Amino acid sequence: MQFDNEIIEHMANPNNYGSIEEADAIGIGENPQNGEKVIIYLKVSGDNTNPIIEDIKFQAIACMTTVVAGSIITGEAKGIDFDMGEQLISVTLGMLDNVPPEEAACSEMVALALKGAMDNYRLKQEGKESAGVVYKIENSCTISEEELAKIQKEHK
């Protein structure tokens, strides 16, 4: 299947993995329950009314699903302006509404890291000193006892 091959490729060779020296902005998505984090670095060009994500890199202290999400989302974000970046974040978070929280947490972390980086850039343009912006996820990547009991019951 093509889909499986693409996921395996993102796992083995994630796009945009790494950091950017002298990044214009840094954002962090964090899971407060287990300490997992995604850091997004941006190099920005264009005017300040609607900047363009010239380059984007990410690093993750997280599971492989988060790395795959980081590879996909940063691939979509590279080369787009901030307005499109906001739409990408909104669409990504909207798609997670119908996904179990433990599966949504990884992509939410990446989307919030991108939001944090864009917000960090905006703060700097306003003259506010900011080393980075951190957003904490709302979803939990751990399955509740109720959900676990339901899954176990379905598999009996």
N, C-alpha and C. Protein backbone atom coordinates (compact mmCIF):
# COMPACT_ATOMS: atom_id res chain seq x y z
N MET A 1 0.84 -1.19 0.00
CA MET A 1 0.00 0.00 0.00
C MET A 1 0.88 1.25 0.00
N GLN A 2 0.48 2.24 -0.78
CA GLN A 2 1.23 3.50 -0.86
C GLN A 2 1.25 4.22 0.48
N PHE A 3 0.11 4.27 1.16
CA PHE A 3 0.01 4.97 2.44
C PHE A 3 1.01 4.42 3.43
N ASP A 4 1.08 3.10 3.57
CA ASP A 4 2.01 2.49 4.50
C ASP A 4 3.45 2.83 4.15
N ASN A 5 3.79 2.82 2.86
CA ASN A 5 5.15 3.16 2.44
C ASN A 5 5.50 4.60 2.79
N GLU A 6 4.54 5.51 2.65
CA GLU A 6 4.77 6.91 3.00
C GLU A 6 5.02 7.06 4.50
N ILE A 7 4.22 6.39 5.31
CA ILE A 7 4.39 6.46 6.76
C ILE A 7 5.75 5.89 7.15
N ILE A 8 6.12 4.77 6.57
CA ILE A 8 7.43 4.17 6.87
C ILE A 8 8.55 5.11 6.47
N GLU A 9 8.41 5.78 5.34
CA GLU A 9 9.44 6.74 4.91
C GLU A 9 9.56 7.90 5.89
N HIS A 10 8.42 8.41 6.38
CA HIS A 10 8.45 9.48 7.38
C HIS A 10 9.10 9.00 8.68
N MET A 11 8.90 7.73 9.02
CA MET A 11 9.52 7.18 10.22
C MET A 11 11.03 7.04 10.05
N ALA A 12 11.44 6.50 8.92
CA ALA A 12 12.86 6.21 8.69
C ALA A 12 13.66 7.47 8.37
N ASN A 13 13.06 8.38 7.64
CA ASN A 13 13.74 9.60 7.19
C ASN A 13 12.82 10.79 7.33
N PRO A 14 12.58 11.23 8.56
CA PRO A 14 11.63 12.35 8.73
C PRO A 14 12.10 13.60 8.01
N ASN A 15 11.17 14.25 7.32
CA ASN A 15 11.46 15.52 6.66
C ASN A 15 11.69 16.60 7.70
N ASN A 16 12.60 17.49 7.42
CA ASN A 16 12.81 18.70 8.22
C ASN A 16 13.20 18.43 9.67
N TYR A 17 13.82 17.28 9.94
CA TYR A 17 14.23 17.00 11.32
C TYR A 17 15.56 17.68 11.58
N GLY A 18 15.66 18.37 12.69
CA GLY A 18 16.89 19.05 13.08
C GLY A 18 16.57 20.42 13.64
N SER A 19 17.57 21.28 13.66
CA SER A 19 17.39 22.63 14.18
C SER A 19 17.90 23.64 13.16
N ILE A 20 17.59 24.89 13.38
CA ILE A 20 18.07 25.98 12.54
C ILE A 20 18.87 26.91 13.43
N GLU A 21 20.16 27.05 13.12
CA GLU A 21 20.98 28.00 13.87
C GLU A 21 20.47 29.40 13.58
N GLU A 22 20.42 30.21 14.60
CA GLU A 22 19.93 31.58 14.48
C GLU A 22 18.53 31.63 13.88
N ALA A 23 17.66 30.77 14.40
CA ALA A 23 16.26 30.74 13.95
C ALA A 23 15.60 32.08 14.26
N ASP A 24 14.67 32.47 13.40
CA ASP A 24 13.91 33.69 13.63
C ASP A 24 12.84 33.50 14.70
N ALA A 25 12.43 32.24 14.90
CA ALA A 25 11.39 31.96 15.89
C ALA A 25 11.46 30.51 16.33
N ILE A 26 11.03 30.29 17.58
CA ILE A 26 11.00 28.94 18.15
C ILE A 26 9.67 28.76 18.86
N GLY A 27 9.04 27.60 18.64
CA GLY A 27 7.81 27.26 19.33
C GLY A 27 7.90 25.85 19.88
N ILE A 28 7.24 25.62 20.99
CA ILE A 28 7.27 24.30 21.64
C ILE A 28 5.85 23.84 21.92
N GLY A 29 5.57 22.60 21.54
CA GLY A 29 4.34 21.92 21.93
C GLY A 29 4.72 20.91 22.99
N GLU A 30 3.99 20.88 24.08
CA GLU A 30 4.40 20.04 25.21
C GLU A 30 3.23 19.25 25.77
N ASN A 31 3.52 18.01 26.14
CA ASN A 31 2.55 17.17 26.84
C ASN A 31 2.89 17.23 28.32
N PRO A 32 2.09 17.94 29.13
CA PRO A 32 2.42 18.10 30.55
C PRO A 32 2.32 16.79 31.34
N GLN A 33 1.63 15.79 30.79
CA GLN A 33 1.45 14.53 31.52
C GLN A 33 2.70 13.66 31.51
N ASN A 34 3.44 13.69 30.39
CA ASN A 34 4.59 12.78 30.32
C ASN A 34 5.90 13.47 29.92
N GLY A 35 5.85 14.78 29.71
CA GLY A 35 7.07 15.52 29.40
C GLY A 35 7.50 15.49 27.95
N GLU A 36 6.73 14.84 27.07
CA GLU A 36 7.09 14.84 25.65
C GLU A 36 7.02 16.26 25.11
N LYS A 37 7.92 16.56 24.15
CA LYS A 37 7.98 17.91 23.59
C LYS A 37 8.30 17.85 22.10
N VAL A 38 7.83 18.85 21.39
CA VAL A 38 8.20 19.10 20.01
C VAL A 38 8.66 20.55 19.95
N ILE A 39 9.81 20.78 19.34
CA ILE A 39 10.33 22.13 19.14
C ILE A 39 10.34 22.40 17.64
N ILE A 40 9.79 23.53 17.25
CA ILE A 40 9.82 23.95 15.84
C ILE A 40 10.64 25.23 15.73
N TYR A 41 11.53 25.23 14.76
CA TYR A 41 12.39 26.37 14.44
C TYR A 41 11.96 26.93 13.09
N LEU A 42 11.88 28.26 12.99
CA LEU A 42 11.50 28.90 11.73
C LEU A 42 12.56 29.89 11.26
N LYS A 43 12.77 29.91 9.97
CA LYS A 43 13.45 31.00 9.26
C LYS A 43 12.35 31.66 8.46
N VAL A 44 12.21 32.96 8.60
CA VAL A 44 11.08 33.68 8.04
C VAL A 44 11.57 34.74 7.05
N SER A 45 10.83 34.90 5.96
CA SER A 45 11.13 35.95 4.99
C SER A 45 9.86 36.70 4.67
N GLY A 46 9.97 37.71 3.81
CA GLY A 46 8.78 38.48 3.42
C GLY A 46 8.54 39.63 4.36
N ASP A 47 7.44 40.31 4.14
CA ASP A 47 7.12 41.47 4.98
C ASP A 47 6.44 41.03 6.27
N ASN A 48 6.36 41.96 7.21
CA ASN A 48 5.80 41.64 8.52
C ASN A 48 4.28 41.54 8.53
N THR A 49 3.62 41.97 7.45
CA THR A 49 2.16 41.87 7.44
C THR A 49 1.72 40.42 7.23
N ASN A 50 2.48 39.66 6.43
CA ASN A 50 2.17 38.25 6.24
C ASN A 50 3.47 37.50 5.89
N PRO A 51 4.29 37.23 6.92
CA PRO A 51 5.58 36.59 6.70
C PRO A 51 5.45 35.20 6.08
N ILE A 52 6.54 34.74 5.49
CA ILE A 52 6.58 33.43 4.83
C ILE A 52 7.54 32.52 5.58
N ILE A 53 7.13 31.28 5.78
CA ILE A 53 7.98 30.28 6.42
C ILE A 53 8.97 29.80 5.35
N GLU A 54 10.15 30.41 5.36
CA GLU A 54 11.17 30.09 4.37
C GLU A 54 11.78 28.71 4.64
N ASP A 55 12.06 28.44 5.91
CA ASP A 55 12.60 27.13 6.29
C ASP A 55 12.00 26.76 7.64
N ILE A 56 11.87 25.46 7.86
CA ILE A 56 11.28 24.96 9.10
C ILE A 56 11.96 23.64 9.44
N LYS A 57 12.28 23.49 10.72
CA LYS A 57 12.85 22.24 11.23
C LYS A 57 12.16 21.92 12.55
N PHE A 58 12.21 20.65 12.91
CA PHE A 58 11.63 20.27 14.20
C PHE A 58 12.51 19.23 14.88
N GLN A 59 12.40 19.18 16.17
CA GLN A 59 13.00 18.13 16.98
C GLN A 59 11.93 17.65 17.95
N ALA A 60 12.00 16.38 18.30
CA ALA A 60 10.98 15.81 19.19
C ALA A 60 11.62 14.92 20.23
N ILE A 61 11.16 15.07 21.43
CA ILE A 61 11.42 14.12 22.50
C ILE A 61 10.06 13.48 22.74
N ALA A 62 9.77 12.49 21.90
CA ALA A 62 8.41 11.95 21.88
C ALA A 62 8.40 10.63 21.12
N CYS A 63 7.23 10.08 20.97
CA CYS A 63 7.06 8.80 20.28
C CYS A 63 7.22 8.96 18.76
N MET A 64 7.29 7.83 18.09
CA MET A 64 7.47 7.83 16.64
C MET A 64 6.27 8.46 15.92
N THR A 65 5.08 8.33 16.46
CA THR A 65 3.90 8.95 15.85
C THR A 65 4.07 10.47 15.80
N THR A 66 4.66 11.03 16.84
CA THR A 66 4.91 12.47 16.87
C THR A 66 5.93 12.86 15.80
N VAL A 67 6.96 12.04 15.63
CA VAL A 67 7.98 12.31 14.60
C VAL A 67 7.34 12.27 13.22
N VAL A 68 6.47 11.30 12.98
CA VAL A 68 5.77 11.21 11.69
C VAL A 68 4.91 12.46 11.48
N ALA A 69 4.16 12.85 12.52
CA ALA A 69 3.32 14.05 12.42
C ALA A 69 4.18 15.28 12.17
N GLY A 70 5.32 15.37 12.83
CA GLY A 70 6.23 16.50 12.62
C GLY A 70 6.74 16.55 11.20
N SER A 71 7.08 15.40 10.65
CA SER A 71 7.57 15.31 9.28
C SER A 71 6.51 15.78 8.29
N ILE A 72 5.29 15.34 8.49
CA ILE A 72 4.19 15.69 7.58
C ILE A 72 3.81 17.16 7.71
N ILE A 73 3.60 17.64 8.93
CA ILE A 73 3.12 19.00 9.13
C ILE A 73 4.19 20.02 8.72
N THR A 74 5.45 19.79 9.06
CA THR A 74 6.48 20.74 8.65
C THR A 74 6.66 20.73 7.13
N GLY A 75 6.45 19.57 6.51
CA GLY A 75 6.51 19.51 5.05
C GLY A 75 5.43 20.37 4.41
N GLU A 76 4.26 20.38 5.01
CA GLU A 76 3.15 21.21 4.51
C GLU A 76 3.40 22.69 4.78
N ALA A 77 4.08 23.00 5.89
CA ALA A 77 4.26 24.40 6.29
C ALA A 77 5.39 25.11 5.55
N LYS A 78 6.35 24.37 5.06
CA LYS A 78 7.51 24.98 4.41
C LYS A 78 7.10 25.73 3.15
N GLY A 79 7.46 27.02 3.12
CA GLY A 79 7.18 27.84 1.94
C GLY A 79 5.85 28.56 1.95
N ILE A 80 5.03 28.36 2.98
CA ILE A 80 3.72 29.04 3.00
C ILE A 80 3.79 30.28 3.89
N ASP A 81 2.83 31.18 3.69
CA ASP A 81 2.79 32.38 4.53
C ASP A 81 2.07 32.07 5.85
N PHE A 82 2.15 33.01 6.77
CA PHE A 82 1.57 32.80 8.10
C PHE A 82 0.05 32.61 8.04
N ASP A 83 -0.63 33.29 7.11
CA ASP A 83 -2.08 33.08 7.00
C ASP A 83 -2.39 31.62 6.67
N MET A 84 -1.66 31.07 5.72
CA MET A 84 -1.83 29.66 5.37
C MET A 84 -1.38 28.76 6.53
N GLY A 85 -0.36 29.19 7.25
CA GLY A 85 0.09 28.43 8.42
C GLY A 85 -1.01 28.34 9.47
N GLU A 86 -1.72 29.45 9.69
CA GLU A 86 -2.85 29.44 10.64
C GLU A 86 -3.93 28.48 10.16
N GLN A 87 -4.18 28.46 8.85
CA GLN A 87 -5.17 27.53 8.30
C GLN A 87 -4.71 26.08 8.48
N LEU A 88 -3.43 25.83 8.25
CA LEU A 88 -2.89 24.48 8.43
C LEU A 88 -3.08 24.02 9.88
N ILE A 89 -2.79 24.90 10.82
CA ILE A 89 -2.97 24.57 12.24
C ILE A 89 -4.44 24.30 12.54
N SER A 90 -5.31 25.17 12.05
CA SER A 90 -6.75 25.02 12.29
C SER A 90 -7.29 23.72 11.70
N VAL A 91 -6.91 23.42 10.46
CA VAL A 91 -7.37 22.18 9.83
C VAL A 91 -6.85 20.97 10.58
N THR A 92 -5.58 21.00 10.95
CA THR A 92 -4.98 19.87 11.69
C THR A 92 -5.72 19.65 12.99
N LEU A 93 -5.91 20.70 13.77
CA LEU A 93 -6.60 20.55 15.06
C LEU A 93 -8.05 20.15 14.86
N GLY A 94 -8.69 20.66 13.81
CA GLY A 94 -10.07 20.29 13.51
C GLY A 94 -10.22 18.82 13.17
N MET A 95 -9.25 18.29 12.44
CA MET A 95 -9.29 16.86 12.07
C MET A 95 -9.16 15.97 13.31
N LEU A 96 -8.57 16.50 14.36
CA LEU A 96 -8.35 15.70 15.56
C LEU A 96 -9.59 15.60 16.44
N ASP A 97 -10.61 16.40 16.14
CA ASP A 97 -11.84 16.37 16.95
C ASP A 97 -12.49 14.99 16.97
N ASN A 98 -12.35 14.25 15.88
CA ASN A 98 -13.00 12.93 15.78
C ASN A 98 -12.04 11.77 16.01
N VAL A 99 -10.87 12.07 16.55
CA VAL A 99 -9.85 11.05 16.79
C VAL A 99 -9.77 10.83 18.30
N PRO A 100 -9.59 9.58 18.74
CA PRO A 100 -9.43 9.36 20.18
C PRO A 100 -8.29 10.21 20.73
N PRO A 101 -8.46 10.78 21.93
CA PRO A 101 -7.47 11.70 22.49
C PRO A 101 -6.04 11.14 22.50
N GLU A 102 -5.91 9.86 22.80
CA GLU A 102 -4.56 9.29 22.88
C GLU A 102 -3.89 9.24 21.51
N GLU A 103 -4.66 9.26 20.44
CA GLU A 103 -4.10 9.30 19.09
C GLU A 103 -3.92 10.74 18.61
N ALA A 104 -4.74 11.64 19.10
CA ALA A 104 -4.69 13.04 18.68
C ALA A 104 -3.54 13.81 19.31
N ALA A 105 -3.07 13.37 20.45
CA ALA A 105 -2.07 14.11 21.22
C ALA A 105 -0.81 14.41 20.41
N CYS A 106 -0.34 13.48 19.62
CA CYS A 106 0.92 13.64 18.88
C CYS A 106 0.82 14.76 17.85
N SER A 107 -0.21 14.73 17.03
CA SER A 107 -0.39 15.76 16.01
C SER A 107 -0.71 17.10 16.64
N GLU A 108 -1.46 17.09 17.73
CA GLU A 108 -1.77 18.34 18.43
C GLU A 108 -0.48 19.00 18.92
N MET A 109 0.45 18.20 19.43
CA MET A 109 1.70 18.74 19.93
C MET A 109 2.48 19.45 18.82
N VAL A 110 2.51 18.86 17.63
CA VAL A 110 3.24 19.45 16.50
C VAL A 110 2.53 20.73 16.04
N ALA A 111 1.21 20.68 15.90
CA ALA A 111 0.46 21.86 15.46
C ALA A 111 0.64 23.02 16.45
N LEU A 112 0.63 22.72 17.74
CA LEU A 112 0.81 23.78 18.74
C LEU A 112 2.23 24.32 18.74
N ALA A 113 3.21 23.48 18.42
CA ALA A 113 4.59 23.95 18.31
C ALA A 113 4.72 24.94 17.14
N LEU A 114 4.05 24.62 16.03
CA LEU A 114 4.05 25.54 14.89
C LEU A 114 3.38 26.85 15.27
N LYS A 115 2.25 26.77 15.95
CA LYS A 115 1.56 27.98 16.42
C LYS A 115 2.46 28.78 17.34
N GLY A 116 3.15 28.09 18.24
CA GLY A 116 4.07 28.77 19.16
C GLY A 116 5.18 29.49 18.43
N ALA A 117 5.75 28.86 17.39
CA ALA A 117 6.82 29.49 16.62
C ALA A 117 6.31 30.73 15.89
N MET A 118 5.14 30.64 15.30
CA MET A 118 4.58 31.79 14.59
C MET A 118 4.26 32.92 15.58
N ASP A 119 3.71 32.57 16.74
CA ASP A 119 3.42 33.58 17.76
C ASP A 119 4.71 34.20 18.29
N ASN A 120 5.76 33.39 18.44
CA ASN A 120 7.06 33.87 18.88
C ASN A 120 7.60 34.90 17.89
N TYR A 121 7.48 34.62 16.61
CA TYR A 121 7.94 35.56 15.59
C TYR A 121 7.18 36.88 15.69
N ARG A 122 5.87 36.79 15.84
CA ARG A 122 5.05 38.00 15.93
C ARG A 122 5.44 38.84 17.15
N LEU A 123 5.67 38.18 18.28
CA LEU A 123 6.09 38.90 19.49
C LEU A 123 7.40 39.64 19.25
N LYS A 124 8.34 38.98 18.61
CA LYS A 124 9.62 39.62 18.32
C LYS A 124 9.45 40.82 17.39
N GLN A 125 8.53 40.73 16.44
CA GLN A 125 8.29 41.84 15.52
C GLN A 125 7.66 43.03 16.25
N GLU A 126 6.99 42.75 17.36
CA GLU A 126 6.39 43.82 18.17
C GLU A 126 7.41 44.39 19.16
N GLY A 127 8.65 43.89 19.10
CA GLY A 127 9.70 44.39 19.98
C GLY A 127 9.72 43.73 21.35
N LYS A 128 8.96 42.67 21.52
CA LYS A 128 8.93 41.97 22.81
C LYS A 128 9.96 40.85 22.79
N GLU A 129 10.78 40.81 23.80
CA GLU A 129 11.81 39.77 23.89
C GLU A 129 11.15 38.44 24.21
N SER A 130 11.45 37.44 23.41
CA SER A 130 10.82 36.14 23.60
C SER A 130 11.77 35.05 23.08
N ALA A 131 12.18 34.17 23.98
CA ALA A 131 13.07 33.07 23.57
C ALA A 131 12.28 31.98 22.85
N GLY A 132 11.00 31.91 23.08
CA GLY A 132 10.14 30.90 22.46
C GLY A 132 8.78 30.91 23.14
N VAL A 133 7.81 30.33 22.48
CA VAL A 133 6.46 30.25 23.03
C VAL A 133 6.12 28.78 23.20
N VAL A 134 5.61 28.44 24.39
CA VAL A 134 5.27 27.05 24.71
C VAL A 134 3.75 26.94 24.86
N TYR A 135 3.18 25.93 24.18
CA TYR A 135 1.76 25.60 24.34
C TYR A 135 1.66 24.16 24.80
N LYS A 136 0.77 23.92 25.75
CA LYS A 136 0.55 22.57 26.28
C LYS A 136 -0.67 21.96 25.62
N ILE A 137 -0.57 20.68 25.29
CA ILE A 137 -1.68 20.00 24.63
C ILE A 137 -2.83 19.76 25.60
N GLU A 138 -4.02 19.62 25.04
CA GLU A 138 -5.21 19.31 25.83
C GLU A 138 -5.50 17.82 25.85
N ASN A 139 -5.17 17.13 24.74
CA ASN A 139 -5.43 15.70 24.66
C ASN A 139 -4.42 14.94 25.51
N SER A 140 -4.80 13.77 25.91
CA SER A 140 -3.91 12.90 26.68
C SER A 140 -3.51 11.72 25.81
N CYS A 141 -2.23 11.37 25.85
CA CYS A 141 -1.81 10.23 25.04
C CYS A 141 -1.90 8.92 25.84
N THR A 142 -2.46 9.01 27.02
CA THR A 142 -2.69 7.79 27.78
C THR A 142 -4.18 7.46 27.72
N ILE A 143 -4.47 6.21 27.63
CA ILE A 143 -5.86 5.76 27.55
C ILE A 143 -6.45 5.74 28.95
N SER A 144 -7.66 6.30 29.08
CA SER A 144 -8.33 6.29 30.38
C SER A 144 -8.71 4.86 30.74
N GLU A 145 -8.90 4.62 32.03
CA GLU A 145 -9.30 3.28 32.48
C GLU A 145 -10.63 2.87 31.86
N GLU A 146 -11.53 3.84 31.69
CA GLU A 146 -12.83 3.57 31.08
C GLU A 146 -12.66 3.12 29.63
N GLU A 147 -11.82 3.84 28.87
CA GLU A 147 -11.58 3.50 27.47
C GLU A 147 -10.85 2.15 27.36
N LEU A 148 -9.91 1.89 28.25
CA LEU A 148 -9.19 0.63 28.25
C LEU A 148 -10.14 -0.54 28.52
N ALA A 149 -11.07 -0.38 29.47
CA ALA A 149 -12.05 -1.43 29.76
C ALA A 149 -12.93 -1.68 28.55
N LYS A 150 -13.31 -0.62 27.85
CA LYS A 150 -14.14 -0.74 26.65
C LYS A 150 -13.40 -1.53 25.56
N ILE A 151 -12.13 -1.20 25.35
CA ILE A 151 -11.32 -1.90 24.34
C ILE A 151 -11.17 -3.37 24.71
N GLN A 152 -10.89 -3.63 25.97
CA GLN A 152 -10.72 -5.03 26.42
C GLN A 152 -12.01 -5.81 26.24
N LYS A 153 -13.15 -5.18 26.52
CA LYS A 153 -14.44 -5.84 26.36
C LYS A 153 -14.71 -6.18 24.89
N GLU A 154 -14.34 -5.24 23.98
CA GLU A 154 -14.54 -5.47 22.54
C GLU A 154 -13.68 -6.61 22.01
N HIS A 155 -12.56 -6.86 22.63
CA HIS A 155 -11.63 -7.88 22.13
C HIS A 155 -11.76 -9.23 22.84
N LYS A 156 -12.80 -9.40 23.60
CA LYS A 156 -13.03 -10.69 24.27
C LYS A 156 -13.84 -11.59 23.40
